[in-house]
Amino acid sequence: MTSPSRPHAPAEALSRALDDGQTDKRLEVLRRIAGGVSISQAARDAGISYKAAWQAIDTLSNLCGRQLVTRTVGGAGGGGATVTPEGRELLALADALAQARAQVLARFAGRWPARAGGLGLRTSMRNQLPCEVQAGEPATPDDPMVMIRLRTAGGALLAASVTRESADLLALQPGSPALVLCKATAVQVQTGALPAAGDATRGAAVNRLAGRIDRIARGQQRDEVVLALDGGGQWVGFAPHPFTARRGQRAWAGMDMAALVVARGD
């Protein structure tokens, strides 16, 4: 049986869904279901797994705070799915925003870098760095996690661990742009020689970003340090108090692979 649909989602709820980094794959699944195909067929058409397709619908529904798809169970056809009025409203808003975005980007073509597409992403994570996906592979054939390798503008290599479904939904393919995010509290800043990357398969602190100290904010137990990274951009982390380094001195930031979040904002 179908679940009753709630009143139309408010604009701010729809906006939350569309602000969720890169929603193209999620919206594609929803759009295909609205076109009359099953979720399994929508998944095949979008080039993702059936599980990832349901994750797409669940994520959008959670962000909207409304049910976007109703499910029917059993019957001669084995059940199906129908997009609710709120789901169709989200698709209409996505189309309108895409048209408006294209018009704005056309006005400023050539004046801003392509990575400025991430400006619409709002998060408490202060560390946000445009990168390019280099590769993605699971540790073992049946591992549900995928290790995504990325390269920064300065040539540093980073590794992040995401689920297979997330990698599919974000279309994390070699050569695609991505945004790497990390909480400042998960970053440790140190001086001295940059250590070796280590073994990424063990999930150790393999990620290192080098640069020069730009600012230091003193605290009682730890000091906040802002690094101006090689190749551009800044990265914020912490060091035990008192951090005796000076502004302009070489330093590096280290963080675990599990601390990095990968987003798409293009």
C-alpha atoms as a PDB file:
ATOM      1  CA  MET A   1       0.000   0.000   0.000  1.00  0.00           C
ATOM      2  CA  THR A   2       1.068   3.568  -0.602  1.00  0.00           C
ATOM      3  CA  SER A   3       1.902   6.051   2.126  1.00  0.00           C
ATOM      4  CA  PRO A   4      -0.088   9.301   2.260  1.00  0.00           C
ATOM      5  CA  SER A   5       1.736  12.323   0.952  1.00  0.00           C
ATOM      6  CA  ARG A   6       2.354  15.244   3.283  1.00  0.00           C
ATOM      7  CA  PRO A   7       1.843  18.913   2.345  1.00  0.00           C
ATOM      8  CA  HIS A   8       4.240  20.458  -0.110  1.00  0.00           C
ATOM      9  CA  ALA A   9       7.751  20.927   1.259  1.00  0.00           C
ATOM     10  CA  PRO A  10       8.692  24.526   2.141  1.00  0.00           C
ATOM     11  CA  ALA A  11      11.245  26.271  -0.031  1.00  0.00           C
ATOM     12  CA  GLU A  12      13.986  26.031   2.591  1.00  0.00           C
ATOM     13  CA  ALA A  13      13.573  22.249   2.763  1.00  0.00           C
ATOM     14  CA  LEU A  14      13.828  21.926  -1.006  1.00  0.00           C
ATOM     15  CA  SER A  15      16.878  24.171  -0.911  1.00  0.00           C
ATOM     16  CA  ARG A  16      18.569  21.891   1.618  1.00  0.00           C
ATOM     17  CA  ALA A  17      18.302  18.990  -0.798  1.00  0.00           C
ATOM     18  CA  LEU A  18      19.672  20.974  -3.722  1.00  0.00           C
ATOM     19  CA  ASP A  19      22.531  22.364  -1.597  1.00  0.00           C
ATOM     20  CA  ASP A  20      23.785  18.855  -0.804  1.00  0.00           C
ATOM     21  CA  GLY A  21      27.027  19.217  -2.742  1.00  0.00           C
ATOM     22  CA  GLN A  22      26.612  17.297  -5.986  1.00  0.00           C
ATOM     23  CA  THR A  23      23.028  16.033  -6.359  1.00  0.00           C
ATOM     24  CA  ASP A  24      23.022  15.254 -10.072  1.00  0.00           C
ATOM     25  CA  LYS A  25      22.991  11.459  -9.685  1.00  0.00           C
ATOM     26  CA  ARG A  26      20.386  11.622  -6.927  1.00  0.00           C
ATOM     27  CA  LEU A  27      18.183  13.890  -8.985  1.00  0.00           C
ATOM     28  CA  GLU A  28      18.726  11.696 -12.039  1.00  0.00           C
ATOM     29  CA  VAL A  29      17.351   8.684 -10.164  1.00  0.00           C
ATOM     30  CA  LEU A  30      14.344  10.684  -8.996  1.00  0.00           C
ATOM     31  CA  ARG A  31      13.772  12.056 -12.487  1.00  0.00           C
ATOM     32  CA  ARG A  32      13.833   8.612 -14.082  1.00  0.00           C
ATOM     33  CA  ILE A  33      11.331   7.262 -11.550  1.00  0.00           C
ATOM     34  CA  ALA A  34       9.106  10.259 -12.285  1.00  0.00           C
ATOM     35  CA  GLY A  35       9.341   9.227 -15.936  1.00  0.00           C
ATOM     36  CA  GLY A  36       7.651   5.939 -15.092  1.00  0.00           C
ATOM     37  CA  VAL A  37      10.484   3.427 -14.716  1.00  0.00           C
ATOM     38  CA  SER A  38      11.126   1.209 -11.707  1.00  0.00           C
ATOM     39  CA  ILE A  39      13.839   1.961  -9.183  1.00  0.00           C
ATOM     40  CA  SER A  40      15.881  -0.979 -10.442  1.00  0.00           C
ATOM     41  CA  GLN A  41      15.621   0.335 -14.013  1.00  0.00           C
ATOM     42  CA  ALA A  42      16.424   3.885 -12.831  1.00  0.00           C
ATOM     43  CA  ALA A  43      19.525   2.518 -11.159  1.00  0.00           C
ATOM     44  CA  ARG A  44      20.625   0.720 -14.339  1.00  0.00           C
ATOM     45  CA  ASP A  45      19.977   3.797 -16.463  1.00  0.00           C
ATOM     46  CA  ALA A  46      21.977   5.985 -14.065  1.00  0.00           C
ATOM     47  CA  GLY A  47      24.833   3.482 -13.971  1.00  0.00           C
ATOM     48  CA  ILE A  48      24.611   2.819 -10.223  1.00  0.00           C
ATOM     49  CA  SER A  49      23.564  -0.061  -8.001  1.00  0.00           C
ATOM     50  CA  TYR A  50      20.021  -0.689  -6.771  1.00  0.00           C
ATOM     51  CA  LYS A  51      21.235   0.006  -3.231  1.00  0.00           C
ATOM     52  CA  ALA A  52      22.763   3.320  -4.315  1.00  0.00           C
ATOM     53  CA  ALA A  53      19.500   4.317  -5.981  1.00  0.00           C
ATOM     54  CA  TRP A  54      17.597   3.836  -2.728  1.00  0.00           C
ATOM     55  CA  GLN A  55      20.333   5.725  -0.891  1.00  0.00           C
ATOM     56  CA  ALA A  56      19.818   8.581  -3.342  1.00  0.00           C
ATOM     57  CA  ILE A  57      16.071   8.708  -2.639  1.00  0.00           C
ATOM     58  CA  ASP A  58      16.544   8.373   1.122  1.00  0.00           C
ATOM     59  CA  THR A  59      19.170  11.142   1.215  1.00  0.00           C
ATOM     60  CA  LEU A  60      17.030  13.579  -0.754  1.00  0.00           C
ATOM     61  CA  SER A  61      13.983  12.735   1.367  1.00  0.00           C
ATOM     62  CA  ASN A  62      15.912  13.303   4.592  1.00  0.00           C
ATOM     63  CA  LEU A  63      17.232  16.655   3.380  1.00  0.00           C
ATOM     64  CA  CYS A  64      13.781  17.784   2.263  1.00  0.00           C
ATOM     65  CA  GLY A  65      12.025  16.485   5.338  1.00  0.00           C
ATOM     66  CA  ARG A  66       9.350  15.084   3.027  1.00  0.00           C
ATOM     67  CA  GLN A  67       8.637  11.780   1.332  1.00  0.00           C
ATOM     68  CA  LEU A  68       9.678  12.036  -2.297  1.00  0.00           C
ATOM     69  CA  VAL A  69       8.847   8.489  -3.400  1.00  0.00           C
ATOM     70  CA  THR A  70       6.069   6.152  -2.284  1.00  0.00           C
ATOM     71  CA  ARG A  71       6.607   2.423  -2.513  1.00  0.00           C
ATOM     72  CA  THR A  72       4.099  -0.269  -3.375  1.00  0.00           C
ATOM     73  CA  VAL A  73       4.789  -3.799  -2.193  1.00  0.00           C
ATOM     74  CA  GLY A  74       3.703  -7.029  -3.843  1.00  0.00           C
ATOM     75  CA  GLY A  75       1.164  -7.461  -6.602  1.00  0.00           C
ATOM     76  CA  ALA A  76       1.469  -9.042 -10.015  1.00  0.00           C
ATOM     77  CA  GLY A  77       4.288  -6.689 -10.988  1.00  0.00           C
ATOM     78  CA  GLY A  78       6.220  -7.200  -7.759  1.00  0.00           C
ATOM     79  CA  GLY A  79       5.666  -3.653  -6.495  1.00  0.00           C
ATOM     80  CA  GLY A  80       6.917  -0.305  -7.686  1.00  0.00           C
ATOM     81  CA  ALA A  81       7.550   3.331  -6.800  1.00  0.00           C
ATOM     82  CA  THR A  82       5.832   6.639  -7.498  1.00  0.00           C
ATOM     83  CA  VAL A  83       7.237  10.152  -7.166  1.00  0.00           C
ATOM     84  CA  THR A  84       5.139  12.301  -4.806  1.00  0.00           C
ATOM     85  CA  PRO A  85       4.084  15.918  -5.526  1.00  0.00           C
ATOM     86  CA  GLU A  86       6.979  17.041  -3.318  1.00  0.00           C
ATOM     87  CA  GLY A  87       9.362  15.020  -5.458  1.00  0.00           C
ATOM     88  CA  ARG A  88       8.060  16.620  -8.642  1.00  0.00           C
ATOM     89  CA  GLU A  89       8.335  20.032  -7.001  1.00  0.00           C
ATOM     90  CA  LEU A  90      11.978  19.330  -6.184  1.00  0.00           C
ATOM     91  CA  LEU A  91      12.661  18.372  -9.804  1.00  0.00           C
ATOM     92  CA  ALA A  92      10.976  21.539 -11.067  1.00  0.00           C
ATOM     93  CA  LEU A  93      13.066  23.653  -8.707  1.00  0.00           C
ATOM     94  CA  ALA A  94      16.233  21.834  -9.786  1.00  0.00           C
ATOM     95  CA  ASP A  95      15.463  22.615 -13.431  1.00  0.00           C
ATOM     96  CA  ALA A  96      14.820  26.286 -12.659  1.00  0.00           C
ATOM     97  CA  LEU A  97      18.030  26.583 -10.641  1.00  0.00           C
ATOM     98  CA  ALA A  98      20.038  24.877 -13.387  1.00  0.00           C
ATOM     99  CA  GLN A  99      18.769  27.372 -15.941  1.00  0.00           C
ATOM    100  CA  ALA A 100      19.506  30.331 -13.653  1.00  0.00           C
ATOM    101  CA  ARG A 101      22.967  28.985 -12.827  1.00  0.00           C
ATOM    102  CA  ALA A 102      23.806  28.538 -16.498  1.00  0.00           C
ATOM    103  CA  GLN A 103      22.803  32.140 -17.195  1.00  0.00           C
ATOM    104  CA  VAL A 104      24.928  33.493 -14.327  1.00  0.00           C
ATOM    105  CA  LEU A 105      27.964  31.395 -15.284  1.00  0.00           C
ATOM    106  CA  ALA A 106      27.661  32.560 -18.884  1.00  0.00           C
ATOM    107  CA  ARG A 107      27.873  36.173 -17.689  1.00  0.00           C
ATOM    108  CA  PHE A 108      31.118  35.523 -15.827  1.00  0.00           C
ATOM    109  CA  ALA A 109      32.652  32.991 -18.224  1.00  0.00           C
ATOM    110  CA  GLY A 110      36.455  33.151 -18.190  1.00  0.00           C
ATOM    111  CA  ARG A 111      36.609  35.460 -15.159  1.00  0.00           C
ATOM    112  CA  TRP A 112      36.362  32.814 -12.435  1.00  0.00           C
ATOM    113  CA  PRO A 113      37.961  29.343 -12.171  1.00  0.00           C
ATOM    114  CA  ALA A 114      35.765  26.286 -12.617  1.00  0.00           C
ATOM    115  CA  ARG A 115      36.345  25.286  -9.006  1.00  0.00           C
ATOM    116  CA  ALA A 116      34.230  28.263  -7.902  1.00  0.00           C
ATOM    117  CA  GLY A 117      31.269  25.924  -8.386  1.00  0.00           C
ATOM    118  CA  GLY A 118      31.728  24.823  -4.790  1.00  0.00           C
ATOM    119  CA  LEU A 119      30.693  28.233  -3.474  1.00  0.00           C
ATOM    120  CA  GLY A 120      27.130  26.997  -2.910  1.00  0.00           C
ATOM    121  CA  LEU A 121      28.237  24.420  -0.353  1.00  0.00           C
ATOM    122  CA  ARG A 122      27.606  25.484   3.250  1.00  0.00           C
ATOM    123  CA  THR A 123      29.189  23.464   6.033  1.00  0.00           C
ATOM    124  CA  SER A 124      30.884  23.866   9.410  1.00  0.00           C
ATOM    125  CA  MET A 125      34.057  22.328   7.952  1.00  0.00           C
ATOM    126  CA  ARG A 126      36.544  25.146   7.447  1.00  0.00           C
ATOM    127  CA  ASN A 127      38.923  23.072   5.362  1.00  0.00           C
ATOM    128  CA  GLN A 128      37.687  22.884   1.775  1.00  0.00           C
ATOM    129  CA  LEU A 129      40.161  22.222  -1.007  1.00  0.00           C
ATOM    130  CA  PRO A 130      39.470  21.684  -4.737  1.00  0.00           C
ATOM    131  CA  CYS A 131      41.147  18.520  -6.034  1.00  0.00           C
ATOM    132  CA  GLU A 132      41.096  16.182  -9.002  1.00  0.00           C
ATOM    133  CA  VAL A 133      40.186  12.530  -8.638  1.00  0.00           C
ATOM    134  CA  GLN A 134      43.090  10.283  -9.615  1.00  0.00           C
ATOM    135  CA  ALA A 135      41.673   6.818  -8.955  1.00  0.00           C
ATOM    136  CA  GLY A 136      39.242   4.842  -6.852  1.00  0.00           C
ATOM    137  CA  GLU A 137      39.431   1.215  -5.850  1.00  0.00           C
ATOM    138  CA  PRO A 138      38.206  -1.064  -3.053  1.00  0.00           C
ATOM    139  CA  ALA A 139      40.762  -2.693  -0.774  1.00  0.00           C
ATOM    140  CA  THR A 140      39.310  -6.095  -1.752  1.00  0.00           C
ATOM    141  CA  PRO A 141      36.744  -7.105  -4.407  1.00  0.00           C
ATOM    142  CA  ASP A 142      33.983  -7.526  -1.800  1.00  0.00           C
ATOM    143  CA  ASP A 143      34.881  -4.481   0.327  1.00  0.00           C
ATOM    144  CA  PRO A 144      31.914  -2.055   0.636  1.00  0.00           C
ATOM    145  CA  MET A 145      34.359   0.864   0.959  1.00  0.00           C
ATOM    146  CA  VAL A 146      36.313   2.518  -1.831  1.00  0.00           C
ATOM    147  CA  MET A 147      39.541   4.441  -1.404  1.00  0.00           C
ATOM    148  CA  ILE A 148      39.481   7.602  -3.510  1.00  0.00           C
ATOM    149  CA  ARG A 149      42.862   9.072  -4.409  1.00  0.00           C
ATOM    150  CA  LEU A 150      42.957  12.787  -5.172  1.00  0.00           C
ATOM    151  CA  ARG A 151      45.536  15.363  -6.222  1.00  0.00           C
ATOM    152  CA  THR A 152      45.590  18.973  -5.017  1.00  0.00           C
ATOM    153  CA  ALA A 153      46.519  21.979  -7.150  1.00  0.00           C
ATOM    154  CA  GLY A 154      49.932  21.871  -5.464  1.00  0.00           C
ATOM    155  CA  GLY A 155      50.491  18.252  -6.464  1.00  0.00           C
ATOM    156  CA  ALA A 156      49.904  16.686  -3.042  1.00  0.00           C
ATOM    157  CA  LEU A 157      48.184  13.286  -3.023  1.00  0.00           C
ATOM    158  CA  LEU A 158      45.294  12.620  -0.653  1.00  0.00           C
ATOM    159  CA  ALA A 159      43.264   9.512   0.083  1.00  0.00           C
ATOM    160  CA  ALA A 160      39.685   9.348   1.378  1.00  0.00           C
ATOM    161  CA  SER A 161      37.462   6.392   2.193  1.00  0.00           C
ATOM    162  CA  VAL A 162      33.854   6.411   0.958  1.00  0.00           C
ATOM    163  CA  THR A 163      31.191   3.767   0.377  1.00  0.00           C
ATOM    164  CA  ARG A 164      30.723   2.291  -3.081  1.00  0.00           C
ATOM    165  CA  GLU A 165      27.276   3.885  -3.236  1.00  0.00           C
ATOM    166  CA  SER A 166      28.645   7.350  -2.486  1.00  0.00           C
ATOM    167  CA  ALA A 167      31.386   6.938  -5.088  1.00  0.00           C
ATOM    168  CA  ASP A 168      28.737   5.977  -7.659  1.00  0.00           C
ATOM    169  CA  LEU A 169      26.335   8.772  -6.751  1.00  0.00           C
ATOM    170  CA  LEU A 170      29.075  11.406  -6.880  1.00  0.00           C
ATOM    171  CA  ALA A 171      30.521   9.942 -10.105  1.00  0.00           C
ATOM    172  CA  LEU A 172      34.045   9.965  -8.653  1.00  0.00           C
ATOM    173  CA  GLN A 173      35.874   9.020 -11.829  1.00  0.00           C
ATOM    174  CA  PRO A 174      39.534   9.740 -12.711  1.00  0.00           C
ATOM    175  CA  GLY A 175      39.873  13.281 -13.958  1.00  0.00           C
ATOM    176  CA  SER A 176      36.679  14.566 -12.350  1.00  0.00           C
ATOM    177  CA  PRO A 177      36.843  17.601 -10.040  1.00  0.00           C
ATOM    178  CA  ALA A 178      36.056  17.137  -6.375  1.00  0.00           C
ATOM    179  CA  LEU A 179      36.074  19.100  -3.168  1.00  0.00           C
ATOM    180  CA  VAL A 180      37.883  17.636  -0.151  1.00  0.00           C
ATOM    181  CA  LEU A 181      36.588  18.732   3.244  1.00  0.00           C
ATOM    182  CA  CYS A 182      37.958  18.118   6.732  1.00  0.00           C
ATOM    183  CA  LYS A 183      37.176  19.338  10.243  1.00  0.00           C
ATOM    184  CA  ALA A 184      39.985  21.491  11.594  1.00  0.00           C
ATOM    185  CA  THR A 185      39.890  19.519  14.848  1.00  0.00           C
ATOM    186  CA  ALA A 186      40.937  16.390  12.931  1.00  0.00           C
ATOM    187  CA  VAL A 187      44.107  18.048  11.601  1.00  0.00           C
ATOM    188  CA  GLN A 188      47.448  18.018  13.406  1.00  0.00           C
ATOM    189  CA  VAL A 189      50.050  20.607  12.396  1.00  0.00           C
ATOM    190  CA  GLN A 190      53.759  19.954  12.853  1.00  0.00           C
ATOM    191  CA  THR A 191      57.069  21.398  11.753  1.00  0.00           C
ATOM    192  CA  GLY A 192      60.076  19.537  10.444  1.00  0.00           C
ATOM    193  CA  ALA A 193      60.619  17.294   7.470  1.00  0.00           C
ATOM    194  CA  LEU A 194      57.540  15.981   5.709  1.00  0.00           C
ATOM    195  CA  PRO A 195      57.266  12.252   6.546  1.00  0.00           C
ATOM    196  CA  ALA A 196      56.552   9.483   4.070  1.00  0.00           C
ATOM    197  CA  ALA A 197      52.924   8.969   3.086  1.00  0.00           C
ATOM    198  CA  GLY A 198      52.669   5.573   4.805  1.00  0.00           C
ATOM    199  CA  ASP A 199      50.373   2.682   4.021  1.00  0.00           C
ATOM    200  CA  ALA A 200      46.959   3.979   2.889  1.00  0.00           C
ATOM    201  CA  THR A 201      45.388   0.525   3.084  1.00  0.00           C
ATOM    202  CA  ARG A 202      45.664   0.547   6.868  1.00  0.00           C
ATOM    203  CA  GLY A 203      43.838   3.863   7.196  1.00  0.00           C
ATOM    204  CA  ALA A 204      46.768   5.466   9.011  1.00  0.00           C
ATOM    205  CA  ALA A 205      47.454   9.188   8.968  1.00  0.00           C
ATOM    206  CA  VAL A 206      48.606   9.009   5.361  1.00  0.00           C
ATOM    207  CA  ASN A 207      47.460  12.453   4.248  1.00  0.00           C
ATOM    208  CA  ARG A 208      50.022  15.250   4.398  1.00  0.00           C
ATOM    209  CA  LEU A 209      49.675  18.825   3.175  1.00  0.00           C
ATOM    210  CA  ALA A 210      52.719  21.083   3.237  1.00  0.00           C
ATOM    211  CA  GLY A 211      52.917  24.862   3.303  1.00  0.00           C
ATOM    212  CA  ARG A 212      53.954  27.884   5.317  1.00  0.00           C
ATOM    213  CA  ILE A 213      52.427  29.106   8.565  1.00  0.00           C
ATOM    214  CA  ASP A 214      50.138  32.046   7.875  1.00  0.00           C
ATOM    215  CA  ARG A 215      48.483  32.590  11.268  1.00  0.00           C
ATOM    216  CA  ILE A 216      48.617  31.195  14.798  1.00  0.00           C
ATOM    217  CA  ALA A 217      45.836  31.669  17.374  1.00  0.00           C
ATOM    218  CA  ARG A 218      47.074  30.810  20.863  1.00  0.00           C
ATOM    219  CA  GLY A 219      44.996  28.703  23.229  1.00  0.00           C
ATOM    220  CA  GLN A 220      45.507  27.224  26.680  1.00  0.00           C
ATOM    221  CA  GLN A 221      45.965  23.591  25.662  1.00  0.00           C
ATOM    222  CA  ARG A 222      46.364  23.827  21.906  1.00  0.00           C
ATOM    223  CA  ASP A 223      47.038  26.457  19.289  1.00  0.00           C
ATOM    224  CA  GLU A 224      45.121  26.909  16.044  1.00  0.00           C
ATOM    225  CA  VAL A 225      47.392  27.098  13.009  1.00  0.00           C
ATOM    226  CA  VAL A 226      46.511  28.249   9.482  1.00  0.00           C
ATOM    227  CA  LEU A 227      48.782  26.996   6.707  1.00  0.00           C
ATOM    228  CA  ALA A 228      49.136  28.631   3.304  1.00  0.00           C
ATOM    229  CA  LEU A 229      49.432  25.490   1.185  1.00  0.00           C
ATOM    230  CA  ASP A 230      51.873  24.852  -1.607  1.00  0.00           C
ATOM    231  CA  GLY A 231      49.969  25.408  -4.841  1.00  0.00           C
ATOM    232  CA  GLY A 232      47.356  27.660  -3.252  1.00  0.00           C
ATOM    233  CA  GLY A 233      44.620  27.407  -0.654  1.00  0.00           C
ATOM    234  CA  GLN A 234      44.676  27.278   3.141  1.00  0.00           C
ATOM    235  CA  TRP A 235      44.332  24.462   5.648  1.00  0.00           C
ATOM    236  CA  VAL A 236      43.488  24.847   9.344  1.00  0.00           C
ATOM    237  CA  GLY A 237      44.613  22.536  12.127  1.00  0.00           C
ATOM    238  CA  PHE A 238      45.860  22.421  15.686  1.00  0.00           C
ATOM    239  CA  ALA A 239      49.157  21.899  17.499  1.00  0.00           C
ATOM    240  CA  PRO A 240      49.851  21.349  21.205  1.00  0.00           C
ATOM    241  CA  HIS A 241      50.366  24.564  23.172  1.00  0.00           C
ATOM    242  CA  PRO A 242      52.794  26.228  23.084  1.00  0.00           C
ATOM    243  CA  PHE A 243      53.448  25.942  19.368  1.00  0.00           C
ATOM    244  CA  THR A 244      56.825  27.642  19.034  1.00  0.00           C
ATOM    245  CA  ALA A 245      56.903  27.993  15.242  1.00  0.00           C
ATOM    246  CA  ARG A 246      56.745  31.397  13.583  1.00  0.00           C
ATOM    247  CA  ARG A 247      54.747  32.907  10.761  1.00  0.00           C
ATOM    248  CA  GLY A 248      56.313  32.029   7.408  1.00  0.00           C
ATOM    249  CA  GLN A 249      57.978  28.879   8.709  1.00  0.00           C
ATOM    250  CA  ARG A 250      57.508  25.617   6.815  1.00  0.00           C
ATOM    251  CA  ALA A 251      55.053  23.161   8.390  1.00  0.00           C
ATOM    252  CA  TRP A 252      52.755  20.349   7.392  1.00  0.00           C
ATOM    253  CA  ALA A 253      49.279  19.144   8.297  1.00  0.00           C
ATOM    254  CA  GLY A 254      48.405  15.477   8.825  1.00  0.00           C
ATOM    255  CA  MET A 255      44.979  13.802   9.040  1.00  0.00           C
ATOM    256  CA  ASP A 256      43.524  10.322   8.838  1.00  0.00           C
ATOM    257  CA  MET A 257      41.992   9.042   5.637  1.00  0.00           C
ATOM    258  CA  ALA A 258      38.672   8.606   7.472  1.00  0.00           C
ATOM    259  CA  ALA A 259      38.642  12.304   8.413  1.00  0.00           C
ATOM    260  CA  LEU A 260      38.306  13.488   4.804  1.00  0.00           C
ATOM    261  CA  VAL A 261      34.935  14.043   3.153  1.00  0.00           C
ATOM    262  CA  VAL A 262      34.641  14.134  -0.639  1.00  0.00           C
ATOM    263  CA  ALA A 263      32.030  16.362  -2.283  1.00  0.00           C
ATOM    264  CA  ARG A 264      31.151  17.471  -5.787  1.00  0.00           C
ATOM    265  CA  GLY A 265      30.201  21.077  -6.459  1.00  0.00           C
ATOM    266  CA  ASP A 266      30.674  21.351 -10.220  1.00  0.00           C
END
